[in-house]
Amino acid sequence: MNNAAVTVRSFSSIDGAGITTPGSFVSWESGQAGPRDIRRPQVLPAPYISFGKLALPDKLAFSASSLALRGNAPINPENTGIFLGIPRGSLSTDLLYRESIRGGTPSPALFSATLPSSAVTDIAIYHRIKGPDVVFAGGDAPFCTALQYGVMMLQSGRLIDALILFVDEGTAIFRNAASADKTTSSPYACALLLGACSAPPPPLSLQSASITLERIGTPDDLSSLEDERKLISRLIAALRTAASLRIPVSSGGFKGYISLHCS
């Protein structure tokens, strides 16, 4: 992989404070308990019957991607790929499905969402994206791996656009499970729509920005999921304020720097 930059066409993030998109930040409405309560009108302008039926990780992924794609210069569905990093996979759905089994009525709807790849299904269907989709569940820094893979596909000319997603269900929902973390965190999701140089220009609401992955230096380790969430938050904050930055990374099979150039 070379160090050629790829264009940031759009972005979004969904966290405990609210919803961030190019040129906009919207706090949660009164009565909303953060990302778990995100509503369809906050994501899509038109009804989508499947939205209310989506499991938590699927809803987070669909919402982040739809926000990033909303109002953006048109993508070419045939040449757009989806790359998802999802550290906890479909764990919350798995636990709910287990409870339905114990209750004597296994849920077919929950069963169909007990794979991490379920989170990209409605994205591809609704937005008619026909390019490759790759899911990195758990492991070492899944967002960095997804980003690296998407950038490589753009640089190789195999894709024109790449939708890079990160979905973390948080730990509060698992507090009664044996596998629960000692600390709690809220759900979080983000989406970066990256384009090759040949892609249509981004909308006027997003200033010119590009990302470069550089395999140089002796960067610091991303030793935990918390570190990766902080890295993503720094990227989103820099995009929101059009501020360039250079972040050292040594994780997910990549050792070097993630550089954001804004002008």
Protein backbone atom coordinates (compact mmCIF):
# COMPACT_ATOMS: atom_id res chain seq x y z
CA MET A 1 0.00 0.00 0.00
CA ASN A 2 1.45 3.38 -1.00
CA ASN A 3 1.01 6.69 0.78
CA ALA A 4 -1.36 8.26 -1.77
CA ALA A 5 -4.18 10.18 -0.15
CA VAL A 6 -7.85 9.30 -0.53
CA THR A 7 -10.62 11.89 -0.33
CA VAL A 8 -12.99 12.18 2.62
CA ARG A 9 -16.35 12.69 0.94
CA SER A 10 -18.53 12.63 4.06
CA PHE A 11 -18.65 11.40 7.65
CA SER A 12 -20.92 10.92 10.64
CA SER A 13 -20.75 9.86 14.25
CA ILE A 14 -23.35 8.83 16.83
CA ASP A 15 -22.35 9.04 20.48
CA GLY A 16 -23.68 9.86 23.93
CA ALA A 17 -23.76 13.58 23.16
CA GLY A 18 -25.60 13.50 19.85
CA ILE A 19 -25.27 13.15 16.08
CA THR A 20 -22.42 14.71 14.10
CA THR A 21 -22.45 15.16 10.31
CA PRO A 22 -20.62 17.62 8.02
CA GLY A 23 -21.56 21.11 9.17
CA SER A 24 -23.99 19.89 11.81
CA PHE A 25 -24.21 18.65 15.40
CA VAL A 26 -27.60 17.72 16.88
CA SER A 27 -28.06 16.85 20.54
CA TRP A 28 -30.43 14.09 21.59
CA GLU A 29 -34.04 15.13 22.04
CA SER A 30 -35.73 15.18 25.43
CA GLY A 31 -36.52 11.61 26.47
CA GLN A 32 -33.92 10.00 24.23
CA ALA A 33 -31.35 7.86 26.01
CA GLY A 34 -28.58 8.34 23.48
CA PRO A 35 -27.67 6.13 20.51
CA ARG A 36 -29.88 3.21 21.55
CA ASP A 37 -32.93 5.43 21.06
CA ILE A 38 -32.02 6.91 17.68
CA ARG A 39 -35.15 7.47 15.58
CA ARG A 40 -35.72 6.96 11.89
CA PRO A 41 -36.53 10.66 11.13
CA GLN A 42 -33.10 11.55 12.56
CA VAL A 43 -31.49 9.23 10.01
CA LEU A 44 -33.72 9.07 6.92
CA PRO A 45 -36.16 11.58 5.41
CA ALA A 46 -38.60 8.85 4.34
CA PRO A 47 -40.13 5.87 6.19
CA TYR A 48 -38.21 2.59 6.21
CA ILE A 49 -40.28 -0.25 7.62
CA SER A 50 -37.27 -2.32 8.70
CA PHE A 51 -35.66 0.43 10.81
CA GLY A 52 -37.59 -0.27 14.01
CA LYS A 53 -36.90 -4.01 13.73
CA LEU A 54 -33.11 -3.73 13.53
CA ALA A 55 -30.98 -5.18 16.32
CA LEU A 56 -28.78 -2.65 18.13
CA PRO A 57 -25.51 -3.14 16.19
CA ASP A 58 -27.41 -3.27 12.89
CA LYS A 59 -29.31 -0.06 13.72
CA LEU A 60 -26.10 1.75 14.70
CA ALA A 61 -24.33 0.70 11.49
CA PHE A 62 -27.33 1.56 9.29
CA SER A 63 -27.82 4.94 10.98
CA ALA A 64 -24.18 6.01 10.75
CA SER A 65 -23.89 5.01 7.09
CA SER A 66 -27.20 6.64 6.12
CA LEU A 67 -26.19 9.88 7.83
CA ALA A 68 -22.87 9.91 5.98
CA LEU A 69 -24.57 9.21 2.65
CA ARG A 70 -27.45 11.66 3.17
CA GLY A 71 -27.05 14.73 0.99
CA ASN A 72 -23.69 13.58 -0.31
CA ALA A 73 -22.60 13.68 -3.95
CA PRO A 74 -23.99 10.50 -5.58
CA ILE A 75 -22.02 7.30 -5.18
CA ASN A 76 -21.69 4.59 -7.80
CA PRO A 77 -23.28 1.57 -6.06
CA GLU A 78 -21.49 -0.87 -8.35
CA ASN A 79 -18.10 0.47 -7.28
CA THR A 80 -18.70 1.16 -3.58
CA GLY A 81 -17.57 -1.20 -0.83
CA ILE A 82 -18.49 -1.48 2.86
CA PHE A 83 -15.80 -2.14 5.47
CA LEU A 84 -17.00 -2.61 9.04
CA GLY A 85 -15.01 -2.82 12.26
CA ILE A 86 -17.20 -4.16 15.07
CA PRO A 87 -15.25 -5.09 18.22
CA ARG A 88 -18.09 -6.78 20.13
CA GLY A 89 -19.73 -8.36 17.10
CA SER A 90 -23.39 -9.20 17.58
CA LEU A 91 -23.02 -9.98 21.31
CA SER A 92 -26.11 -8.08 22.51
CA THR A 93 -28.25 -9.85 19.90
CA ASP A 94 -26.69 -13.20 20.80
CA LEU A 95 -27.64 -12.67 24.46
CA LEU A 96 -31.21 -11.73 23.56
CA TYR A 97 -31.51 -14.79 21.32
CA ARG A 98 -30.21 -16.99 24.14
CA GLU A 99 -32.90 -15.57 26.40
CA SER A 100 -35.57 -16.34 23.80
CA ILE A 101 -34.35 -19.96 23.71
CA ARG A 102 -34.49 -20.20 27.48
CA GLY A 103 -38.02 -18.80 27.34
CA GLY A 104 -39.07 -21.62 25.05
CA THR A 105 -39.74 -19.52 21.93
CA PRO A 106 -36.54 -18.96 19.93
CA SER A 107 -36.87 -15.77 17.89
CA PRO A 108 -36.24 -16.15 14.13
CA ALA A 109 -35.75 -12.38 13.83
CA LEU A 110 -33.02 -12.39 16.48
CA PHE A 111 -31.42 -15.54 15.04
CA SER A 112 -31.00 -13.87 11.65
CA ALA A 113 -29.03 -11.05 13.32
CA THR A 114 -26.64 -13.22 15.35
CA LEU A 115 -23.75 -12.75 12.93
CA PRO A 116 -21.58 -9.59 12.86
CA SER A 117 -22.08 -9.41 9.09
CA SER A 118 -25.80 -8.80 9.69
CA ALA A 119 -24.90 -5.16 10.35
CA VAL A 120 -24.12 -4.48 6.68
CA THR A 121 -27.21 -6.16 5.21
CA ASP A 122 -29.72 -3.31 5.38
CA ILE A 123 -27.04 -0.80 4.37
CA ALA A 124 -26.39 -2.68 1.13
CA ILE A 125 -30.10 -3.27 0.45
CA TYR A 126 -31.39 0.23 1.17
CA HIS A 127 -28.54 2.11 -0.53
CA ARG A 128 -28.20 -0.51 -3.31
CA ILE A 129 -24.48 -0.92 -2.69
CA LYS A 130 -23.22 -3.85 -4.75
CA GLY A 131 -19.47 -3.73 -4.11
CA PRO A 132 -17.62 -5.98 -1.66
CA ASP A 133 -18.42 -5.91 2.04
CA VAL A 134 -15.87 -7.00 4.62
CA VAL A 135 -16.45 -7.28 8.38
CA PHE A 136 -13.72 -7.29 11.01
CA ALA A 137 -15.22 -8.54 14.28
CA GLY A 138 -13.24 -8.38 17.51
CA GLY A 139 -9.51 -8.84 17.21
CA ASP A 140 -6.88 -6.15 17.20
CA ALA A 141 -8.19 -2.65 16.36
CA PRO A 142 -10.96 -3.57 13.89
CA PHE A 143 -11.55 0.04 12.76
CA CYS A 144 -7.90 0.48 11.80
CA THR A 145 -8.03 -2.81 9.90
CA ALA A 146 -11.22 -1.79 8.09
CA LEU A 147 -9.73 1.61 7.25
CA GLN A 148 -6.52 0.07 5.96
CA TYR A 149 -8.41 -2.42 3.78
CA GLY A 150 -10.75 0.21 2.36
CA VAL A 151 -7.92 2.61 1.53
CA MET A 152 -6.01 -0.23 -0.16
CA MET A 153 -9.04 -1.04 -2.35
CA LEU A 154 -9.37 2.62 -3.37
CA GLN A 155 -5.67 2.99 -4.14
CA SER A 156 -5.66 -0.19 -6.23
CA GLY A 157 -8.49 1.16 -8.39
CA ARG A 158 -10.86 -1.67 -7.44
CA LEU A 159 -13.35 0.77 -5.92
CA ILE A 160 -14.37 4.39 -6.42
CA ASP A 161 -15.90 4.81 -2.95
CA ALA A 162 -15.45 3.01 0.36
CA LEU A 163 -17.77 3.24 3.35
CA ILE A 164 -15.70 2.66 6.49
CA LEU A 165 -17.79 1.89 9.57
CA PHE A 166 -17.11 1.40 13.26
CA VAL A 167 -19.80 0.10 15.62
CA ASP A 168 -19.35 -0.46 19.34
CA GLU A 169 -22.44 -1.45 21.32
CA GLY A 170 -20.83 -0.25 24.54
CA THR A 171 -20.77 -2.20 27.78
CA ALA A 172 -23.76 -0.94 29.79
CA ILE A 173 -26.08 -3.41 28.07
CA PHE A 174 -23.87 -6.31 29.19
CA ARG A 175 -23.53 -5.33 32.85
CA ASN A 176 -25.36 -8.46 34.02
CA ALA A 177 -23.45 -10.80 31.72
CA ALA A 178 -20.45 -12.84 32.80
CA SER A 179 -18.39 -11.30 30.01
CA ALA A 180 -19.15 -7.70 31.00
CA ASP A 181 -16.31 -5.19 31.22
CA LYS A 182 -15.49 -3.73 34.62
CA THR A 183 -16.20 -0.25 33.29
CA THR A 184 -19.17 0.92 31.26
CA SER A 185 -19.29 2.79 27.98
CA SER A 186 -22.14 4.01 25.83
CA PRO A 187 -22.86 2.77 22.28
CA TYR A 188 -20.91 4.50 19.55
CA ALA A 189 -20.91 4.41 15.76
CA CYS A 190 -19.17 6.33 13.01
CA ALA A 191 -18.93 6.27 9.24
CA LEU A 192 -16.33 7.66 6.86
CA LEU A 193 -17.19 7.82 3.16
CA LEU A 194 -13.86 7.79 1.36
CA GLY A 195 -13.36 8.28 -2.36
CA ALA A 196 -10.63 7.72 -4.90
CA CYS A 197 -9.32 10.68 -6.87
CA SER A 198 -11.73 9.80 -9.69
CA ALA A 199 -14.79 10.03 -7.41
CA PRO A 200 -17.22 12.97 -7.73
CA PRO A 201 -16.30 15.94 -5.53
CA PRO A 202 -17.73 16.15 -1.99
CA PRO A 203 -20.62 18.50 -1.22
CA LEU A 204 -19.91 22.12 -0.35
CA SER A 205 -20.76 21.47 3.31
CA LEU A 206 -17.55 19.43 3.70
CA GLN A 207 -14.29 21.26 3.24
CA SER A 208 -11.57 19.56 1.22
CA ALA A 209 -10.13 16.73 3.31
CA SER A 210 -8.05 13.63 2.64
CA ILE A 211 -6.64 10.71 4.61
CA THR A 212 -3.22 9.14 4.18
CA LEU A 213 -1.87 5.98 5.79
CA GLU A 214 1.90 6.17 6.21
CA ARG A 215 4.02 3.12 7.09
CA ILE A 216 6.81 4.99 8.83
CA GLY A 217 8.04 5.95 12.28
CA THR A 218 7.78 4.23 15.64
CA PRO A 219 4.20 4.92 16.68
CA ASP A 220 2.48 4.18 19.96
CA ASP A 221 0.36 1.07 20.50
CA LEU A 222 -3.42 1.00 20.50
CA SER A 223 -3.62 -1.31 23.48
CA SER A 224 -7.38 -1.28 24.05
CA LEU A 225 -10.77 -0.63 22.49
CA GLU A 226 -10.90 2.62 24.47
CA ASP A 227 -7.74 3.77 22.66
CA GLU A 228 -9.33 3.07 19.27
CA ARG A 229 -12.51 4.94 20.18
CA LYS A 230 -10.38 7.92 21.21
CA LEU A 231 -8.55 7.77 17.88
CA ILE A 232 -11.84 7.75 15.94
CA SER A 233 -13.20 10.61 18.05
CA ARG A 234 -10.09 12.65 17.22
CA LEU A 235 -10.61 12.02 13.51
CA ILE A 236 -14.28 13.05 13.64
CA ALA A 237 -13.52 16.15 15.72
CA ALA A 238 -10.80 17.19 13.26
CA LEU A 239 -13.15 16.70 10.28
CA ARG A 240 -15.82 18.73 12.01
CA THR A 241 -13.44 21.66 12.56
CA ALA A 242 -11.40 21.17 9.35
CA ALA A 243 -8.21 20.66 11.39
CA SER A 244 -5.32 18.59 10.05
CA LEU A 245 -3.71 16.01 12.31
CA ARG A 246 -1.29 13.07 12.31
CA ILE A 247 -1.95 10.13 14.65
CA PRO A 248 0.63 7.40 15.41
CA VAL A 249 -0.81 3.88 15.19
CA SER A 250 0.62 0.43 15.79
CA SER A 251 -2.22 -2.03 15.65
CA GLY A 252 -4.48 -4.00 13.38
CA GLY A 253 -1.52 -5.09 11.25
CA PHE A 254 -0.57 -1.46 10.51
CA LYS A 255 2.43 0.40 11.92
CA GLY A 256 2.69 4.03 10.94
CA TYR A 257 0.52 7.12 10.93
CA ILE A 258 -3.02 8.05 10.01
CA SER A 259 -2.83 11.60 8.63
CA LEU A 260 -5.79 13.85 8.00
CA HIS A 261 -5.25 16.84 5.71
CA CYS A 262 -7.92 19.55 5.69
CA SER A 263 -7.97 22.78 3.68
